[in-house]
Amino acid sequence: MIDEGELTRLVMSAQAGDGASLDRLLVRLRPMVMRRCSRFLPHHADAEEAAQDALLSISTHLHEYSGRGSFLGWVTVIASNAARSTYRSMRRRAEDSHAVLPEGADPRTTSVIAGTRLDLMDSLAALEERHPALVESFVLRDLGDLTYVQVAEITDAPLGTVKDRIHQARRFMRDRLGGAC
């Protein structure tokens, strides 16, 4: 786990333009970002691609972090978005190439996209299409492992609203995944 004091010092130094602090910060964040991306993309190479995108985004947008809410919560949002974006990109490439499932693979749970959780990602896409207000809270809590309070801070929503959104999203996902979540 990253020491909160060290993290704050690294963020402040990196925001002030210290390249060495930015490098140290990214090295310290990398394992956490990989874990977050792996929740969406269990195939290591897929998660690695998403993590690299997330770390690049963190480094280029660090100046936008204002200190409102948890820095690790901000990082979780970026990592979650990078993983979802990587999945969508990989899915488009697979569809364009007309990739085929391996023989004997279950098409409901196996992706041509190198082992991603097709069922989870498709369900998230359906949730986003039908109930867009529920997605962020659900992703941050259940895939990002943030507390309800942290999710409320990041989304700038009352705690009760966050809990209700997560409850509704879980019910939707459970129905889509057949009780697997």
N, C-alpha and C. Protein backbone atom coordinates (compact mmCIF):
# COMPACT_ATOMS: atom_id res chain seq x y z
N MET A 1 0.85 -1.19 0.00
CA MET A 1 0.00 0.00 0.00
C MET A 1 0.89 1.24 0.00
N ILE A 2 0.42 2.26 -0.64
CA ILE A 2 1.17 3.50 -0.77
C ILE A 2 0.94 4.35 0.47
N ASP A 3 2.03 4.84 1.05
CA ASP A 3 1.96 5.73 2.21
C ASP A 3 1.32 7.05 1.78
N GLU A 4 0.27 7.46 2.49
CA GLU A 4 -0.49 8.67 2.15
C GLU A 4 0.38 9.92 2.15
N GLY A 5 1.29 10.05 3.13
CA GLY A 5 2.17 11.22 3.19
C GLY A 5 3.12 11.28 2.01
N GLU A 6 3.72 10.13 1.69
CA GLU A 6 4.62 10.06 0.54
C GLU A 6 3.87 10.37 -0.74
N LEU A 7 2.68 9.84 -0.85
CA LEU A 7 1.86 10.06 -2.04
C LEU A 7 1.56 11.55 -2.21
N THR A 8 1.16 12.21 -1.15
CA THR A 8 0.86 13.65 -1.20
C THR A 8 2.08 14.44 -1.63
N ARG A 9 3.24 14.11 -1.06
CA ARG A 9 4.48 14.83 -1.43
C ARG A 9 4.82 14.61 -2.90
N LEU A 10 4.70 13.37 -3.36
CA LEU A 10 5.01 13.08 -4.77
C LEU A 10 4.07 13.81 -5.72
N VAL A 11 2.77 13.81 -5.38
CA VAL A 11 1.79 14.49 -6.23
C VAL A 11 2.10 15.98 -6.29
N MET A 12 2.34 16.59 -5.14
CA MET A 12 2.62 18.03 -5.12
C MET A 12 3.90 18.37 -5.88
N SER A 13 4.94 17.58 -5.69
CA SER A 13 6.20 17.81 -6.40
C SER A 13 6.04 17.62 -7.90
N ALA A 14 5.32 16.58 -8.28
CA ALA A 14 5.10 16.31 -9.71
C ALA A 14 4.27 17.42 -10.34
N GLN A 15 3.26 17.89 -9.62
CA GLN A 15 2.45 18.99 -10.14
C GLN A 15 3.26 20.27 -10.29
N ALA A 16 4.29 20.41 -9.46
CA ALA A 16 5.16 21.59 -9.53
C ALA A 16 6.21 21.47 -10.64
N GLY A 17 6.21 20.32 -11.33
CA GLY A 17 7.11 20.15 -12.46
C GLY A 17 8.33 19.28 -12.21
N ASP A 18 8.42 18.63 -11.07
CA ASP A 18 9.56 17.77 -10.77
C ASP A 18 9.39 16.43 -11.49
N GLY A 19 10.13 16.23 -12.55
CA GLY A 19 10.03 15.01 -13.35
C GLY A 19 10.39 13.75 -12.59
N ALA A 20 11.38 13.84 -11.70
CA ALA A 20 11.77 12.67 -10.91
C ALA A 20 10.63 12.23 -9.98
N SER A 21 9.92 13.21 -9.42
CA SER A 21 8.77 12.88 -8.56
C SER A 21 7.65 12.24 -9.36
N LEU A 22 7.44 12.73 -10.57
CA LEU A 22 6.42 12.14 -11.43
C LEU A 22 6.79 10.69 -11.74
N ASP A 23 8.04 10.44 -12.06
CA ASP A 23 8.49 9.07 -12.34
C ASP A 23 8.27 8.17 -11.13
N ARG A 24 8.66 8.64 -9.94
CA ARG A 24 8.48 7.84 -8.71
C ARG A 24 6.99 7.60 -8.44
N LEU A 25 6.17 8.63 -8.67
CA LEU A 25 4.74 8.50 -8.45
C LEU A 25 4.15 7.41 -9.36
N LEU A 26 4.50 7.45 -10.62
CA LEU A 26 3.97 6.47 -11.57
C LEU A 26 4.44 5.05 -11.24
N VAL A 27 5.68 4.92 -10.80
CA VAL A 27 6.19 3.60 -10.39
C VAL A 27 5.41 3.09 -9.19
N ARG A 28 5.10 3.97 -8.25
CA ARG A 28 4.35 3.58 -7.05
C ARG A 28 2.89 3.22 -7.38
N LEU A 29 2.31 3.92 -8.37
CA LEU A 29 0.91 3.69 -8.74
C LEU A 29 0.71 2.47 -9.63
N ARG A 30 1.75 2.08 -10.36
CA ARG A 30 1.60 1.04 -11.38
C ARG A 30 0.96 -0.26 -10.87
N PRO A 31 1.39 -0.83 -9.74
CA PRO A 31 0.75 -2.08 -9.28
C PRO A 31 -0.75 -1.91 -9.01
N MET A 32 -1.13 -0.79 -8.42
CA MET A 32 -2.54 -0.55 -8.14
C MET A 32 -3.33 -0.39 -9.45
N VAL A 33 -2.77 0.35 -10.39
CA VAL A 33 -3.44 0.55 -11.68
C VAL A 33 -3.59 -0.79 -12.40
N MET A 34 -2.57 -1.63 -12.36
CA MET A 34 -2.65 -2.96 -12.98
C MET A 34 -3.76 -3.79 -12.34
N ARG A 35 -3.87 -3.75 -11.01
CA ARG A 35 -4.93 -4.50 -10.33
C ARG A 35 -6.30 -4.01 -10.77
N ARG A 36 -6.46 -2.70 -10.87
CA ARG A 36 -7.75 -2.13 -11.30
C ARG A 36 -8.08 -2.58 -12.72
N CYS A 37 -7.12 -2.48 -13.61
CA CYS A 37 -7.36 -2.86 -15.01
C CYS A 37 -7.62 -4.36 -15.13
N SER A 38 -6.98 -5.14 -14.29
CA SER A 38 -7.17 -6.60 -14.32
C SER A 38 -8.57 -7.00 -13.89
N ARG A 39 -9.25 -6.15 -13.13
CA ARG A 39 -10.63 -6.45 -12.75
C ARG A 39 -11.53 -6.47 -13.98
N PHE A 40 -11.19 -5.66 -14.98
CA PHE A 40 -11.95 -5.59 -16.22
C PHE A 40 -11.39 -6.56 -17.26
N LEU A 41 -10.08 -6.65 -17.31
CA LEU A 41 -9.38 -7.37 -18.37
C LEU A 41 -8.43 -8.39 -17.75
N PRO A 42 -8.90 -9.60 -17.45
CA PRO A 42 -8.06 -10.56 -16.74
C PRO A 42 -6.87 -11.08 -17.55
N HIS A 43 -6.89 -10.98 -18.85
CA HIS A 43 -5.74 -11.40 -19.65
C HIS A 43 -4.64 -10.36 -19.43
N HIS A 44 -3.45 -10.80 -19.00
CA HIS A 44 -2.38 -9.90 -18.58
C HIS A 44 -2.01 -8.85 -19.63
N ALA A 45 -1.87 -9.28 -20.88
CA ALA A 45 -1.47 -8.33 -21.92
C ALA A 45 -2.52 -7.24 -22.14
N ASP A 46 -3.80 -7.61 -22.02
CA ASP A 46 -4.87 -6.62 -22.17
C ASP A 46 -4.83 -5.61 -21.01
N ALA A 47 -4.68 -6.14 -19.80
CA ALA A 47 -4.62 -5.27 -18.62
C ALA A 47 -3.39 -4.37 -18.68
N GLU A 48 -2.29 -4.91 -19.18
CA GLU A 48 -1.06 -4.12 -19.31
C GLU A 48 -1.26 -2.95 -20.27
N GLU A 49 -1.93 -3.22 -21.39
CA GLU A 49 -2.20 -2.15 -22.35
C GLU A 49 -3.05 -1.04 -21.71
N ALA A 50 -4.09 -1.45 -21.00
CA ALA A 50 -4.96 -0.48 -20.34
C ALA A 50 -4.21 0.29 -19.24
N ALA A 51 -3.37 -0.42 -18.49
CA ALA A 51 -2.60 0.22 -17.42
C ALA A 51 -1.64 1.27 -17.98
N GLN A 52 -1.00 0.95 -19.10
CA GLN A 52 -0.09 1.92 -19.73
C GLN A 52 -0.86 3.16 -20.17
N ASP A 53 -2.05 2.95 -20.74
CA ASP A 53 -2.89 4.10 -21.13
C ASP A 53 -3.28 4.92 -19.91
N ALA A 54 -3.63 4.24 -18.83
CA ALA A 54 -4.03 4.93 -17.61
C ALA A 54 -2.86 5.74 -17.03
N LEU A 55 -1.68 5.14 -16.97
CA LEU A 55 -0.52 5.85 -16.42
C LEU A 55 -0.15 7.06 -17.28
N LEU A 56 -0.27 6.91 -18.59
CA LEU A 56 -0.03 8.05 -19.48
C LEU A 56 -1.04 9.16 -19.21
N SER A 57 -2.29 8.78 -19.05
CA SER A 57 -3.33 9.77 -18.76
C SER A 57 -3.09 10.45 -17.41
N ILE A 58 -2.69 9.67 -16.42
CA ILE A 58 -2.39 10.25 -15.10
C ILE A 58 -1.27 11.27 -15.23
N SER A 59 -0.21 10.91 -15.96
CA SER A 59 0.93 11.83 -16.07
C SER A 59 0.57 13.10 -16.84
N THR A 60 -0.26 12.98 -17.87
CA THR A 60 -0.58 14.17 -18.66
C THR A 60 -1.68 15.02 -18.04
N HIS A 61 -2.48 14.43 -17.15
CA HIS A 61 -3.58 15.19 -16.54
C HIS A 61 -3.39 15.44 -15.05
N LEU A 62 -2.21 15.15 -14.53
CA LEU A 62 -1.96 15.32 -13.10
C LEU A 62 -2.25 16.75 -12.64
N HIS A 63 -1.95 17.71 -13.49
CA HIS A 63 -2.18 19.12 -13.14
C HIS A 63 -3.67 19.41 -12.92
N GLU A 64 -4.56 18.54 -13.45
CA GLU A 64 -6.00 18.74 -13.29
C GLU A 64 -6.52 18.22 -11.95
N TYR A 65 -5.72 17.41 -11.27
CA TYR A 65 -6.16 16.92 -9.96
C TYR A 65 -6.09 18.09 -8.98
N SER A 66 -7.25 18.44 -8.43
CA SER A 66 -7.34 19.65 -7.60
C SER A 66 -7.21 19.38 -6.11
N GLY A 67 -7.16 18.12 -5.72
CA GLY A 67 -7.10 17.81 -4.30
C GLY A 67 -8.49 17.53 -3.73
N ARG A 68 -9.53 17.74 -4.52
CA ARG A 68 -10.89 17.44 -4.08
C ARG A 68 -11.08 15.92 -4.14
N GLY A 69 -11.38 15.34 -3.04
CA GLY A 69 -11.53 13.89 -2.99
C GLY A 69 -10.18 13.20 -2.92
N SER A 70 -10.23 11.92 -2.85
CA SER A 70 -9.03 11.10 -2.71
C SER A 70 -8.25 11.03 -4.03
N PHE A 71 -6.94 11.17 -3.95
CA PHE A 71 -6.11 11.04 -5.15
C PHE A 71 -6.21 9.62 -5.69
N LEU A 72 -6.21 8.63 -4.81
CA LEU A 72 -6.31 7.24 -5.28
C LEU A 72 -7.68 6.98 -5.91
N GLY A 73 -8.70 7.68 -5.46
CA GLY A 73 -10.01 7.59 -6.10
C GLY A 73 -9.95 8.16 -7.51
N TRP A 74 -9.25 9.27 -7.66
CA TRP A 74 -9.06 9.90 -8.98
C TRP A 74 -8.32 8.93 -9.90
N VAL A 75 -7.30 8.28 -9.37
CA VAL A 75 -6.53 7.30 -10.14
C VAL A 75 -7.43 6.12 -10.54
N THR A 76 -8.28 5.68 -9.62
CA THR A 76 -9.19 4.57 -9.91
C THR A 76 -10.14 4.90 -11.06
N VAL A 77 -10.65 6.12 -11.07
CA VAL A 77 -11.52 6.55 -12.17
C VAL A 77 -10.77 6.47 -13.50
N ILE A 78 -9.55 6.97 -13.52
CA ILE A 78 -8.76 6.95 -14.75
C ILE A 78 -8.46 5.52 -15.18
N ALA A 79 -8.06 4.66 -14.25
CA ALA A 79 -7.74 3.26 -14.58
C ALA A 79 -8.99 2.53 -15.08
N SER A 80 -10.12 2.75 -14.44
CA SER A 80 -11.36 2.09 -14.86
C SER A 80 -11.76 2.54 -16.26
N ASN A 81 -11.66 3.83 -16.52
CA ASN A 81 -12.00 4.33 -17.85
C ASN A 81 -11.04 3.82 -18.91
N ALA A 82 -9.76 3.72 -18.57
CA ALA A 82 -8.77 3.20 -19.53
C ALA A 82 -9.05 1.74 -19.85
N ALA A 83 -9.40 0.95 -18.85
CA ALA A 83 -9.70 -0.47 -19.08
C ALA A 83 -10.93 -0.62 -19.96
N ARG A 84 -11.96 0.15 -19.69
CA ARG A 84 -13.18 0.06 -20.51
C ARG A 84 -12.91 0.53 -21.93
N SER A 85 -12.11 1.57 -22.07
CA SER A 85 -11.75 2.07 -23.40
C SER A 85 -10.93 1.03 -24.17
N THR A 86 -9.99 0.41 -23.50
CA THR A 86 -9.17 -0.63 -24.12
C THR A 86 -10.05 -1.78 -24.59
N TYR A 87 -10.99 -2.18 -23.74
CA TYR A 87 -11.90 -3.26 -24.13
C TYR A 87 -12.68 -2.89 -25.38
N ARG A 88 -13.26 -1.68 -25.40
CA ARG A 88 -14.05 -1.26 -26.57
C ARG A 88 -13.19 -1.25 -27.83
N SER A 89 -11.96 -0.77 -27.71
CA SER A 89 -11.05 -0.73 -28.86
C SER A 89 -10.72 -2.15 -29.34
N MET A 90 -10.43 -3.05 -28.40
CA MET A 90 -10.10 -4.43 -28.75
C MET A 90 -11.31 -5.12 -29.39
N ARG A 91 -12.47 -4.82 -28.88
CA ARG A 91 -13.67 -5.44 -29.43
C ARG A 91 -13.90 -4.99 -30.87
N ARG A 92 -13.71 -3.69 -31.13
CA ARG A 92 -13.86 -3.18 -32.50
C ARG A 92 -12.86 -3.86 -33.43
N ARG A 93 -11.61 -3.99 -32.97
CA ARG A 93 -10.59 -4.64 -33.81
C ARG A 93 -10.96 -6.09 -34.08
N ALA A 94 -11.46 -6.79 -33.05
CA ALA A 94 -11.85 -8.20 -33.23
C ALA A 94 -13.02 -8.31 -34.21
N GLU A 95 -13.98 -7.42 -34.09
CA GLU A 95 -15.13 -7.45 -35.01
C GLU A 95 -14.69 -7.14 -36.44
N ASP A 96 -13.78 -6.18 -36.59
CA ASP A 96 -13.29 -5.81 -37.92
C ASP A 96 -12.51 -6.94 -38.57
N SER A 97 -11.82 -7.73 -37.75
CA SER A 97 -11.01 -8.82 -38.30
C SER A 97 -11.80 -10.13 -38.42
N HIS A 98 -13.06 -10.11 -37.98
CA HIS A 98 -13.93 -11.29 -38.03
C HIS A 98 -13.29 -12.47 -37.29
N ALA A 99 -12.73 -12.19 -36.12
CA ALA A 99 -12.10 -13.23 -35.31
C ALA A 99 -13.13 -14.29 -34.91
N VAL A 100 -12.65 -15.50 -34.69
CA VAL A 100 -13.50 -16.64 -34.37
C VAL A 100 -13.09 -17.20 -33.02
N LEU A 101 -14.09 -17.66 -32.26
CA LEU A 101 -13.81 -18.28 -30.96
C LEU A 101 -13.08 -19.60 -31.16
N PRO A 102 -12.20 -19.97 -30.21
CA PRO A 102 -11.55 -21.27 -30.27
C PRO A 102 -12.60 -22.39 -30.18
N GLU A 103 -12.30 -23.53 -30.76
CA GLU A 103 -13.22 -24.67 -30.74
C GLU A 103 -13.53 -25.07 -29.30
N GLY A 104 -14.81 -25.27 -29.02
CA GLY A 104 -15.24 -25.69 -27.69
C GLY A 104 -15.43 -24.56 -26.69
N ALA A 105 -15.14 -23.34 -27.07
CA ALA A 105 -15.27 -22.21 -26.15
C ALA A 105 -16.73 -21.82 -26.00
N ASP A 106 -17.11 -21.40 -24.81
CA ASP A 106 -18.46 -20.94 -24.54
C ASP A 106 -18.57 -19.48 -24.98
N PRO A 107 -19.35 -19.16 -26.01
CA PRO A 107 -19.42 -17.80 -26.52
C PRO A 107 -20.02 -16.79 -25.55
N ARG A 108 -20.71 -17.27 -24.51
CA ARG A 108 -21.28 -16.35 -23.53
C ARG A 108 -20.23 -15.81 -22.58
N THR A 109 -19.16 -16.54 -22.37
CA THR A 109 -18.16 -16.11 -21.39
C THR A 109 -16.75 -16.03 -21.93
N THR A 110 -16.54 -16.43 -23.17
CA THR A 110 -15.21 -16.39 -23.75
C THR A 110 -15.18 -15.35 -24.84
N SER A 111 -14.17 -14.55 -24.83
CA SER A 111 -14.05 -13.51 -25.83
C SER A 111 -12.97 -13.86 -26.83
N VAL A 112 -13.17 -13.43 -28.05
CA VAL A 112 -12.11 -13.54 -29.04
C VAL A 112 -11.04 -12.51 -28.73
N ILE A 113 -11.33 -11.69 -27.76
CA ILE A 113 -10.41 -10.62 -27.40
C ILE A 113 -9.51 -11.11 -26.26
N ALA A 114 -8.77 -12.14 -26.53
CA ALA A 114 -7.70 -12.63 -25.66
C ALA A 114 -8.09 -12.75 -24.20
N GLY A 115 -9.21 -13.34 -23.92
CA GLY A 115 -9.52 -13.70 -22.54
C GLY A 115 -10.22 -12.65 -21.72
N THR A 116 -10.72 -11.59 -22.31
CA THR A 116 -11.42 -10.60 -21.51
C THR A 116 -12.73 -11.19 -21.00
N ARG A 117 -13.31 -10.55 -20.03
CA ARG A 117 -14.59 -10.98 -19.49
C ARG A 117 -15.70 -10.40 -20.34
N LEU A 118 -15.97 -11.04 -21.46
CA LEU A 118 -16.97 -10.56 -22.40
C LEU A 118 -18.32 -10.37 -21.72
N ASP A 119 -18.70 -11.32 -20.87
CA ASP A 119 -19.99 -11.22 -20.21
C ASP A 119 -20.07 -9.98 -19.34
N LEU A 120 -19.04 -9.71 -18.58
CA LEU A 120 -19.02 -8.53 -17.72
C LEU A 120 -19.02 -7.25 -18.54
N MET A 121 -18.17 -7.19 -19.54
CA MET A 121 -18.06 -5.97 -20.34
C MET A 121 -19.33 -5.70 -21.13
N ASP A 122 -19.94 -6.73 -21.68
CA ASP A 122 -21.21 -6.55 -22.39
C ASP A 122 -22.30 -6.08 -21.44
N SER A 123 -22.32 -6.61 -20.24
CA SER A 123 -23.31 -6.20 -19.25
C SER A 123 -23.08 -4.75 -18.83
N LEU A 124 -21.82 -4.36 -18.68
CA LEU A 124 -21.51 -2.96 -18.37
C LEU A 124 -21.96 -2.03 -19.50
N ALA A 125 -21.74 -2.45 -20.72
CA ALA A 125 -22.17 -1.64 -21.87
C ALA A 125 -23.69 -1.50 -21.87
N ALA A 126 -24.41 -2.58 -21.57
CA ALA A 126 -25.87 -2.51 -21.50
C ALA A 126 -26.32 -1.61 -20.36
N LEU A 127 -25.66 -1.70 -19.22
CA LEU A 127 -25.98 -0.82 -18.09
C LEU A 127 -25.77 0.64 -18.48
N GLU A 128 -24.67 0.91 -19.15
CA GLU A 128 -24.36 2.27 -19.57
C GLU A 128 -25.40 2.79 -20.57
N GLU A 129 -25.87 1.92 -21.43
CA GLU A 129 -26.87 2.30 -22.43
C GLU A 129 -28.23 2.58 -21.79
N ARG A 130 -28.63 1.72 -20.86
CA ARG A 130 -29.98 1.82 -20.28
C ARG A 130 -30.06 2.71 -19.04
N HIS A 131 -28.99 2.71 -18.25
CA HIS A 131 -29.00 3.47 -16.99
C HIS A 131 -27.64 4.15 -16.79
N PRO A 132 -27.31 5.14 -17.61
CA PRO A 132 -25.97 5.73 -17.56
C PRO A 132 -25.59 6.33 -16.21
N ALA A 133 -26.56 6.79 -15.45
CA ALA A 133 -26.26 7.41 -14.15
C ALA A 133 -25.76 6.39 -13.12
N LEU A 134 -25.96 5.09 -13.39
CA LEU A 134 -25.57 4.06 -12.42
C LEU A 134 -24.15 3.56 -12.61
N VAL A 135 -23.60 3.73 -13.79
CA VAL A 135 -22.35 3.08 -14.16
C VAL A 135 -21.17 3.52 -13.30
N GLU A 136 -20.94 4.81 -13.19
CA GLU A 136 -19.74 5.29 -12.49
C GLU A 136 -19.70 4.81 -11.05
N SER A 137 -20.80 4.94 -10.33
CA SER A 137 -20.81 4.51 -8.93
C SER A 137 -20.54 3.01 -8.81
N PHE A 138 -21.18 2.22 -9.68
CA PHE A 138 -20.99 0.77 -9.67
C PHE A 138 -19.54 0.40 -9.95
N VAL A 139 -18.98 0.99 -10.99
CA VAL A 139 -17.60 0.67 -11.38
C VAL A 139 -16.63 1.04 -10.26
N LEU A 140 -16.80 2.21 -9.67
CA LEU A 140 -15.88 2.65 -8.62
C LEU A 140 -15.99 1.76 -7.38
N ARG A 141 -17.20 1.37 -7.01
CA ARG A 141 -17.38 0.57 -5.80
C ARG A 141 -17.03 -0.90 -6.02
N ASP A 142 -17.63 -1.51 -7.03
CA ASP A 142 -17.51 -2.95 -7.16
C ASP A 142 -16.30 -3.40 -7.97
N LEU A 143 -15.83 -2.60 -8.88
CA LEU A 143 -14.65 -2.98 -9.64
C LEU A 143 -13.42 -2.18 -9.20
N GLY A 144 -13.66 -1.01 -8.64
CA GLY A 144 -12.56 -0.18 -8.18
C GLY A 144 -12.26 -0.33 -6.70
N ASP A 145 -13.12 -1.05 -5.99
CA ASP A 145 -12.94 -1.32 -4.55
C ASP A 145 -12.88 -0.06 -3.68
N LEU A 146 -13.50 1.02 -4.12
CA LEU A 146 -13.55 2.22 -3.30
C LEU A 146 -14.69 2.08 -2.29
N THR A 147 -14.61 2.82 -1.21
CA THR A 147 -15.69 2.82 -0.23
C THR A 147 -16.86 3.64 -0.76
N TYR A 148 -18.01 3.47 -0.15
CA TYR A 148 -19.18 4.26 -0.54
C TYR A 148 -18.89 5.76 -0.36
N VAL A 149 -18.22 6.10 0.71
CA VAL A 149 -17.90 7.51 0.98
C VAL A 149 -16.98 8.07 -0.11
N GLN A 150 -15.97 7.29 -0.51
CA GLN A 150 -15.08 7.75 -1.57
C GLN A 150 -15.84 7.93 -2.88
N VAL A 151 -16.74 7.00 -3.19
CA VAL A 151 -17.54 7.11 -4.42
C VAL A 151 -18.40 8.37 -4.36
N ALA A 152 -18.98 8.65 -3.20
CA ALA A 152 -19.80 9.85 -3.05
C ALA A 152 -18.97 11.11 -3.28
N GLU A 153 -17.74 11.12 -2.76
CA GLU A 153 -16.85 12.27 -2.96
C GLU A 153 -16.52 12.46 -4.44
N ILE A 154 -16.16 11.37 -5.10
CA ILE A 154 -15.74 11.45 -6.50
C ILE A 154 -16.90 11.87 -7.40
N THR A 155 -18.08 11.30 -7.16
CA THR A 155 -19.23 11.58 -8.01
C THR A 155 -19.98 12.83 -7.58
N ASP A 156 -19.60 13.39 -6.44
CA ASP A 156 -20.24 14.58 -5.89
C ASP A 156 -21.75 14.35 -5.73
N ALA A 157 -22.08 13.18 -5.18
CA ALA A 157 -23.48 12.80 -4.95
C ALA A 157 -23.65 12.45 -3.48
N PRO A 158 -24.86 12.64 -2.94
CA PRO A 158 -25.10 12.25 -1.55
C PRO A 158 -24.88 10.74 -1.37
N LEU A 159 -24.45 10.37 -0.18
CA LEU A 159 -24.16 8.97 0.12
C LEU A 159 -25.36 8.07 -0.15
N GLY A 160 -26.55 8.48 0.22
CA GLY A 160 -27.74 7.68 -0.02
C GLY A 160 -28.00 7.45 -1.50
N THR A 161 -27.74 8.47 -2.30
CA THR A 161 -27.90 8.35 -3.76
C THR A 161 -26.91 7.34 -4.32
N VAL A 162 -25.67 7.42 -3.84
CA VAL A 162 -24.63 6.50 -4.30
C VAL A 162 -25.02 5.06 -3.96
N LYS A 163 -25.45 4.83 -2.74
CA LYS A 163 -25.84 3.48 -2.33
C LYS A 163 -27.00 2.96 -3.18
N ASP A 164 -27.97 3.82 -3.46
CA ASP A 164 -29.10 3.41 -4.28
C ASP A 164 -28.65 3.08 -5.71
N ARG A 165 -27.78 3.91 -6.28
CA ARG A 165 -27.28 3.66 -7.64
C ARG A 165 -26.55 2.32 -7.71
N ILE A 166 -25.73 2.06 -6.70
CA ILE A 166 -24.96 0.80 -6.68
C ILE A 166 -25.91 -0.39 -6.54
N HIS A 167 -26.91 -0.25 -5.68
CA HIS A 167 -27.88 -1.33 -5.50
C HIS A 167 -28.61 -1.62 -6.82
N GLN A 168 -29.08 -0.57 -7.50
CA GLN A 168 -29.77 -0.76 -8.78
C GLN A 168 -28.85 -1.38 -9.83
N ALA A 169 -27.61 -0.92 -9.88
CA ALA A 169 -26.65 -1.45 -10.86
C ALA A 169 -26.35 -2.92 -10.57
N ARG A 170 -26.18 -3.26 -9.30
CA ARG A 170 -25.92 -4.66 -8.95
C ARG A 170 -27.08 -5.56 -9.36
N ARG A 171 -28.30 -5.09 -9.14
CA ARG A 171 -29.47 -5.88 -9.52
C ARG A 171 -29.50 -6.07 -11.05
N PHE A 172 -29.22 -5.01 -11.79
CA PHE A 172 -29.18 -5.09 -13.25
C PHE A 172 -28.11 -6.08 -13.69
N MET A 173 -26.92 -5.95 -13.13
CA MET A 173 -25.80 -6.82 -13.52
C MET A 173 -26.07 -8.27 -13.13
N ARG A 174 -26.65 -8.49 -11.97
CA ARG A 174 -26.96 -9.85 -11.53
C ARG A 174 -27.96 -10.51 -12.48
N ASP A 175 -28.97 -9.73 -12.91
CA ASP A 175 -29.96 -10.25 -13.86
C ASP A 175 -29.29 -10.58 -15.20
N ARG A 176 -28.39 -9.71 -15.66
CA ARG A 176 -27.71 -9.92 -16.95
C ARG A 176 -26.75 -11.09 -16.90
N LEU A 177 -26.08 -11.25 -15.76
CA LEU A 177 -25.05 -12.28 -15.65
C LEU A 177 -25.60 -13.59 -15.08
N GLY A 178 -26.89 -13.64 -14.86
CA GLY A 178 -27.50 -14.88 -14.37
C GLY A 178 -27.09 -15.24 -12.96
N GLY A 179 -26.92 -14.24 -12.09
CA GLY A 179 -26.56 -14.50 -10.71
C GLY A 179 -25.09 -14.76 -10.49
N ALA A 180 -24.26 -14.58 -11.52
CA ALA A 180 -22.83 -14.88 -11.40
C ALA A 180 -22.05 -13.80 -10.68
N CYS A 181 -22.68 -12.65 -10.42
CA CYS A 181 -21.89 -11.61 -9.75
C CYS A 181 -22.35 -11.38 -8.33
